[in-house]
């Protein structure tokens, strides 16, 4: 991978990280604000609880992605970015451009998602 491509991917990772951090912070603020409102009947309470669970799930998913982005940025610094963690093959540029925080090549990702029984 050339330096220009690597710089472009690093920029994408940093932009995505910033967007996710902002989104996570906003979601957490909204969840806290909703925790403070205990008004209404049982149906309102059930609806509020459902919304709270949704907020927490969104934040948890975003934190997983943030962790993967941080790992990818660390790999760039260690010159090991773009290498599959499973088979050590080079991850194609098209895949990195689509999902710059990916850890696996397509073959290994498919095997992880569809394990043989």
N, C-alpha and C. Protein backbone atom coordinates (compact mmCIF):
# COMPACT_ATOMS: atom_id res chain seq x y z
N UNK A 1 0.85 -1.17 0.00
CA UNK A 1 0.00 0.00 0.00
C UNK A 1 0.90 1.24 0.00
N UNK A 2 0.58 2.18 -0.86
CA UNK A 2 1.42 3.36 -0.93
C UNK A 2 1.02 4.38 0.16
N UNK A 3 1.88 5.38 0.36
CA UNK A 3 1.67 6.36 1.43
C UNK A 3 0.41 7.19 1.23
N UNK A 4 0.09 7.49 -0.02
CA UNK A 4 -1.10 8.29 -0.31
C UNK A 4 -2.36 7.53 0.09
N UNK A 5 -2.44 6.25 -0.28
CA UNK A 5 -3.59 5.43 0.10
C UNK A 5 -3.70 5.30 1.61
N UNK A 6 -2.58 5.07 2.25
CA UNK A 6 -2.56 4.93 3.70
C UNK A 6 -3.02 6.22 4.39
N UNK A 7 -2.56 7.35 3.90
CA UNK A 7 -2.97 8.64 4.46
C UNK A 7 -4.47 8.87 4.28
N UNK A 8 -4.97 8.48 3.11
CA UNK A 8 -6.40 8.62 2.84
C UNK A 8 -7.23 7.75 3.78
N UNK A 9 -6.80 6.52 3.98
CA UNK A 9 -7.52 5.61 4.88
C UNK A 9 -7.44 6.10 6.33
N UNK A 10 -6.29 6.62 6.72
CA UNK A 10 -6.14 7.15 8.08
C UNK A 10 -7.09 8.33 8.29
N UNK A 11 -7.21 9.17 7.29
CA UNK A 11 -8.12 10.32 7.35
C UNK A 11 -9.57 9.83 7.50
N UNK A 12 -9.93 8.79 6.75
CA UNK A 12 -11.28 8.22 6.84
C UNK A 12 -11.54 7.68 8.25
N UNK A 13 -10.55 6.99 8.80
CA UNK A 13 -10.69 6.43 10.15
C UNK A 13 -10.88 7.53 11.18
N UNK A 14 -10.09 8.57 11.09
CA UNK A 14 -10.18 9.67 12.05
C UNK A 14 -11.54 10.38 11.92
N UNK A 15 -12.01 10.59 10.70
CA UNK A 15 -13.31 11.23 10.48
C UNK A 15 -14.42 10.36 11.07
N UNK A 16 -14.37 9.06 10.82
CA UNK A 16 -15.40 8.15 11.34
C UNK A 16 -15.35 8.11 12.87
N UNK A 17 -14.16 8.12 13.42
CA UNK A 17 -14.01 8.12 14.88
C UNK A 17 -14.64 9.37 15.48
N UNK A 18 -14.38 10.52 14.90
CA UNK A 18 -14.94 11.78 15.39
C UNK A 18 -16.46 11.76 15.32
N UNK A 19 -17.00 11.29 14.20
CA UNK A 19 -18.45 11.22 14.04
C UNK A 19 -19.08 10.28 15.06
N UNK A 20 -18.46 9.13 15.28
CA UNK A 20 -19.00 8.17 16.25
C UNK A 20 -18.92 8.70 17.67
N UNK A 21 -17.82 9.38 18.00
CA UNK A 21 -17.71 9.96 19.35
C UNK A 21 -18.79 11.01 19.57
N UNK A 22 -19.02 11.86 18.59
CA UNK A 22 -20.08 12.86 18.71
C UNK A 22 -21.45 12.21 18.83
N UNK A 23 -21.69 11.20 18.01
CA UNK A 23 -22.97 10.50 18.04
C UNK A 23 -23.17 9.80 19.39
N UNK A 24 -22.13 9.15 19.88
CA UNK A 24 -22.22 8.45 21.16
C UNK A 24 -22.49 9.43 22.30
N UNK A 25 -21.79 10.55 22.29
CA UNK A 25 -22.00 11.56 23.33
C UNK A 25 -23.42 12.10 23.29
N UNK A 26 -23.93 12.38 22.09
CA UNK A 26 -25.30 12.87 21.96
C UNK A 26 -26.31 11.83 22.42
N UNK A 27 -26.08 10.58 22.05
CA UNK A 27 -26.99 9.50 22.44
C UNK A 27 -27.00 9.33 23.95
N UNK A 28 -25.82 9.41 24.57
CA UNK A 28 -25.75 9.27 26.02
C UNK A 28 -26.46 10.44 26.71
N UNK A 29 -26.31 11.66 26.18
CA UNK A 29 -27.01 12.81 26.75
C UNK A 29 -28.53 12.62 26.66
N UNK A 30 -28.98 12.15 25.50
CA UNK A 30 -30.42 11.91 25.32
C UNK A 30 -30.92 10.84 26.29
N UNK A 31 -30.13 9.79 26.46
CA UNK A 31 -30.53 8.70 27.37
C UNK A 31 -30.62 9.22 28.80
N UNK A 32 -29.64 10.03 29.21
CA UNK A 32 -29.67 10.58 30.57
C UNK A 32 -30.88 11.49 30.75
N UNK A 33 -31.17 12.29 29.75
CA UNK A 33 -32.32 13.18 29.84
C UNK A 33 -33.61 12.37 29.96
N UNK A 34 -33.69 11.28 29.23
CA UNK A 34 -34.89 10.43 29.30
C UNK A 34 -34.98 9.67 30.61
N UNK A 35 -33.85 9.41 31.25
CA UNK A 35 -33.87 8.73 32.54
C UNK A 35 -34.50 9.62 33.60
N UNK A 36 -34.40 10.91 33.42
CA UNK A 36 -34.92 11.85 34.41
C UNK A 36 -36.42 12.08 34.27
N UNK A 37 -37.05 11.60 33.24
CA UNK A 37 -38.48 11.82 33.04
C UNK A 37 -39.25 10.56 33.41
N UNK A 38 -39.89 10.63 34.54
CA UNK A 38 -40.72 9.51 35.01
C UNK A 38 -42.16 9.99 35.15
N UNK A 39 -42.76 10.30 34.01
CA UNK A 39 -44.11 10.81 34.01
C UNK A 39 -44.97 9.88 33.19
N UNK A 40 -46.22 9.69 33.64
CA UNK A 40 -47.14 8.92 32.83
C UNK A 40 -47.55 7.62 33.47
N UNK A 41 -48.28 6.87 32.71
CA UNK A 41 -48.81 5.61 33.20
C UNK A 41 -47.88 4.45 32.84
N UNK A 42 -48.35 3.24 33.02
CA UNK A 42 -47.53 2.05 32.77
C UNK A 42 -47.12 1.94 31.30
N UNK A 43 -47.98 2.33 30.40
CA UNK A 43 -47.67 2.26 28.97
C UNK A 43 -46.56 3.23 28.63
N UNK A 44 -46.64 4.45 29.19
CA UNK A 44 -45.58 5.43 28.97
C UNK A 44 -44.25 4.93 29.53
N UNK A 45 -44.31 4.33 30.70
CA UNK A 45 -43.10 3.80 31.33
C UNK A 45 -42.49 2.68 30.49
N UNK A 46 -43.33 1.79 29.98
CA UNK A 46 -42.84 0.71 29.12
C UNK A 46 -42.20 1.27 27.85
N UNK A 47 -42.82 2.28 27.27
CA UNK A 47 -42.27 2.91 26.07
C UNK A 47 -40.93 3.57 26.37
N UNK A 48 -40.84 4.27 27.50
CA UNK A 48 -39.59 4.92 27.89
C UNK A 48 -38.49 3.88 28.13
N UNK A 49 -38.85 2.77 28.76
CA UNK A 49 -37.87 1.71 29.01
C UNK A 49 -37.37 1.12 27.69
N UNK A 50 -38.26 0.95 26.73
CA UNK A 50 -37.87 0.43 25.43
C UNK A 50 -36.91 1.39 24.73
N UNK A 51 -37.20 2.67 24.81
CA UNK A 51 -36.31 3.68 24.22
C UNK A 51 -34.95 3.67 24.89
N UNK A 52 -34.93 3.53 26.20
CA UNK A 52 -33.66 3.51 26.93
C UNK A 52 -32.81 2.32 26.50
N UNK A 53 -33.45 1.16 26.36
CA UNK A 53 -32.71 -0.02 25.90
C UNK A 53 -32.13 0.19 24.52
N UNK A 54 -32.90 0.83 23.64
CA UNK A 54 -32.42 1.11 22.29
C UNK A 54 -31.21 2.04 22.34
N UNK A 55 -31.27 3.09 23.18
CA UNK A 55 -30.13 3.99 23.32
C UNK A 55 -28.89 3.23 23.76
N UNK A 56 -29.04 2.37 24.76
CA UNK A 56 -27.90 1.65 25.28
C UNK A 56 -27.31 0.68 24.26
N UNK A 57 -28.17 0.05 23.46
CA UNK A 57 -27.69 -0.84 22.40
C UNK A 57 -26.92 -0.06 21.35
N UNK A 58 -27.44 1.10 20.97
CA UNK A 58 -26.75 1.93 19.98
C UNK A 58 -25.37 2.34 20.48
N UNK A 59 -25.31 2.76 21.72
CA UNK A 59 -24.03 3.17 22.30
C UNK A 59 -23.07 1.98 22.35
N UNK A 60 -23.55 0.82 22.72
CA UNK A 60 -22.68 -0.37 22.80
C UNK A 60 -22.13 -0.73 21.42
N UNK A 61 -22.98 -0.68 20.38
CA UNK A 61 -22.52 -0.99 19.02
C UNK A 61 -21.49 0.03 18.56
N UNK A 62 -21.74 1.30 18.86
CA UNK A 62 -20.79 2.35 18.47
C UNK A 62 -19.46 2.18 19.18
N UNK A 63 -19.49 1.75 20.43
CA UNK A 63 -18.25 1.54 21.17
C UNK A 63 -17.43 0.40 20.58
N UNK A 64 -18.09 -0.62 20.08
CA UNK A 64 -17.39 -1.72 19.42
C UNK A 64 -16.69 -1.21 18.17
N UNK A 65 -17.41 -0.40 17.39
CA UNK A 65 -16.81 0.16 16.17
C UNK A 65 -15.66 1.10 16.53
N UNK A 66 -15.83 1.91 17.56
CA UNK A 66 -14.75 2.81 17.99
C UNK A 66 -13.50 2.04 18.39
N UNK A 67 -13.69 0.94 19.06
CA UNK A 67 -12.55 0.10 19.45
C UNK A 67 -11.83 -0.43 18.21
N UNK A 68 -12.60 -0.87 17.22
CA UNK A 68 -12.00 -1.38 15.98
C UNK A 68 -11.26 -0.27 15.24
N UNK A 69 -11.81 0.94 15.26
CA UNK A 69 -11.15 2.08 14.61
C UNK A 69 -9.84 2.40 15.33
N UNK A 70 -9.87 2.42 16.65
CA UNK A 70 -8.65 2.68 17.42
C UNK A 70 -7.59 1.61 17.14
N UNK A 71 -8.02 0.36 17.02
CA UNK A 71 -7.09 -0.72 16.69
C UNK A 71 -6.47 -0.50 15.31
N UNK A 72 -7.30 -0.08 14.35
CA UNK A 72 -6.81 0.16 12.98
C UNK A 72 -5.80 1.32 12.98
N UNK A 73 -6.10 2.38 13.72
CA UNK A 73 -5.17 3.51 13.80
C UNK A 73 -3.84 3.09 14.44
N UNK A 74 -3.91 2.23 15.45
CA UNK A 74 -2.68 1.72 16.09
C UNK A 74 -1.88 0.88 15.10
N UNK A 75 -2.58 0.09 14.28
CA UNK A 75 -1.89 -0.73 13.28
C UNK A 75 -1.19 0.14 12.24
N UNK A 76 -1.79 1.27 11.90
CA UNK A 76 -1.14 2.18 10.95
C UNK A 76 0.19 2.64 11.54
N UNK A 77 0.19 2.98 12.81
CA UNK A 77 1.41 3.44 13.48
C UNK A 77 2.47 2.34 13.56
N UNK A 78 2.01 1.07 13.64
CA UNK A 78 2.93 -0.06 13.75
C UNK A 78 3.28 -0.68 12.40
N UNK A 79 2.79 -0.09 11.33
CA UNK A 79 3.01 -0.59 9.96
C UNK A 79 2.47 -2.00 9.75
N UNK A 80 1.37 -2.33 10.41
CA UNK A 80 0.76 -3.64 10.19
C UNK A 80 -0.68 -3.50 9.69
N UNK A 81 -1.07 -2.29 9.31
CA UNK A 81 -2.42 -2.04 8.83
C UNK A 81 -2.63 -2.69 7.46
N UNK A 82 -3.84 -3.23 7.27
CA UNK A 82 -4.19 -3.81 5.97
C UNK A 82 -3.85 -5.28 5.85
N UNK A 83 -3.49 -5.88 6.96
CA UNK A 83 -3.14 -7.30 6.96
C UNK A 83 -4.20 -8.06 7.75
N UNK A 84 -4.70 -9.14 7.20
CA UNK A 84 -5.73 -9.96 7.86
C UNK A 84 -5.18 -10.53 9.16
N UNK A 85 -5.95 -10.41 10.22
CA UNK A 85 -5.52 -10.92 11.52
C UNK A 85 -5.59 -12.43 11.60
N UNK A 86 -6.29 -13.04 10.67
CA UNK A 86 -6.45 -14.49 10.70
C UNK A 86 -5.40 -15.21 9.84
N UNK A 87 -5.31 -14.80 8.58
CA UNK A 87 -4.45 -15.53 7.65
C UNK A 87 -3.21 -14.75 7.22
N UNK A 88 -3.08 -13.52 7.70
CA UNK A 88 -1.94 -12.64 7.39
C UNK A 88 -1.86 -12.19 5.94
N UNK A 89 -2.90 -12.46 5.14
CA UNK A 89 -2.88 -11.98 3.76
C UNK A 89 -3.19 -10.48 3.73
N UNK A 90 -2.87 -9.85 2.61
CA UNK A 90 -3.15 -8.43 2.44
C UNK A 90 -4.63 -8.25 2.14
N UNK A 91 -5.27 -7.35 2.87
CA UNK A 91 -6.69 -7.05 2.63
C UNK A 91 -6.77 -6.13 1.42
N UNK A 92 -7.61 -6.45 0.44
CA UNK A 92 -7.70 -5.61 -0.76
C UNK A 92 -8.11 -4.17 -0.44
N UNK A 93 -7.57 -3.24 -1.22
CA UNK A 93 -7.83 -1.82 -1.01
C UNK A 93 -9.33 -1.51 -1.06
N UNK A 94 -10.06 -2.17 -1.95
CA UNK A 94 -11.49 -1.92 -2.06
C UNK A 94 -12.21 -2.22 -0.75
N UNK A 95 -11.80 -3.28 -0.09
CA UNK A 95 -12.41 -3.64 1.21
C UNK A 95 -12.02 -2.61 2.27
N UNK A 96 -10.78 -2.20 2.28
CA UNK A 96 -10.34 -1.21 3.25
C UNK A 96 -11.04 0.13 3.04
N UNK A 97 -11.29 0.49 1.80
CA UNK A 97 -11.99 1.73 1.53
C UNK A 97 -13.45 1.66 1.97
N UNK A 98 -14.05 0.48 1.87
CA UNK A 98 -15.44 0.31 2.29
C UNK A 98 -15.56 0.23 3.81
N UNK A 99 -14.64 -0.50 4.43
CA UNK A 99 -14.65 -0.68 5.89
C UNK A 99 -13.20 -0.54 6.38
N UNK A 100 -12.74 0.69 6.57
CA UNK A 100 -11.32 0.89 6.88
C UNK A 100 -10.87 0.29 8.22
N UNK A 101 -11.79 -0.06 9.10
CA UNK A 101 -11.43 -0.67 10.38
C UNK A 101 -11.53 -2.19 10.37
N UNK A 102 -11.73 -2.76 9.18
CA UNK A 102 -11.87 -4.21 9.10
C UNK A 102 -10.60 -4.91 9.58
N UNK A 103 -10.79 -6.07 10.18
CA UNK A 103 -9.66 -6.85 10.70
C UNK A 103 -9.32 -8.04 9.80
N UNK A 104 -10.27 -8.42 8.95
CA UNK A 104 -10.12 -9.67 8.20
C UNK A 104 -10.34 -9.46 6.71
N UNK A 105 -9.72 -10.33 5.92
CA UNK A 105 -10.01 -10.38 4.49
C UNK A 105 -11.42 -10.95 4.33
N UNK A 106 -11.96 -10.88 3.14
CA UNK A 106 -13.34 -11.33 2.92
C UNK A 106 -13.49 -12.82 3.24
N UNK A 107 -12.54 -13.63 2.82
CA UNK A 107 -12.63 -15.08 3.06
C UNK A 107 -12.70 -15.39 4.55
N UNK A 108 -11.81 -14.80 5.33
CA UNK A 108 -11.79 -15.07 6.77
C UNK A 108 -13.02 -14.49 7.46
N UNK A 109 -13.50 -13.33 6.99
CA UNK A 109 -14.71 -12.74 7.56
C UNK A 109 -15.91 -13.65 7.32
N UNK A 110 -16.01 -14.17 6.10
CA UNK A 110 -17.13 -15.08 5.78
C UNK A 110 -17.05 -16.35 6.63
N UNK A 111 -15.85 -16.86 6.84
CA UNK A 111 -15.70 -18.07 7.66
C UNK A 111 -16.07 -17.78 9.11
N UNK A 112 -15.75 -16.60 9.60
CA UNK A 112 -16.09 -16.24 10.98
C UNK A 112 -17.61 -16.08 11.15
N UNK A 113 -18.26 -15.53 10.12
CA UNK A 113 -19.70 -15.31 10.19
C UNK A 113 -20.50 -16.58 9.94
N UNK A 114 -19.94 -17.52 9.19
CA UNK A 114 -20.63 -18.76 8.85
C UNK A 114 -19.77 -19.96 9.19
N UNK A 115 -19.58 -20.22 10.48
CA UNK A 115 -18.71 -21.35 10.83
C UNK A 115 -19.31 -22.68 10.37
N UNK A 116 -18.43 -23.57 9.96
CA UNK A 116 -18.87 -24.89 9.52
C UNK A 116 -19.30 -25.68 10.74
N UNK A 117 -20.35 -26.46 10.54
CA UNK A 117 -20.90 -27.23 11.68
C UNK A 117 -20.37 -28.62 11.71
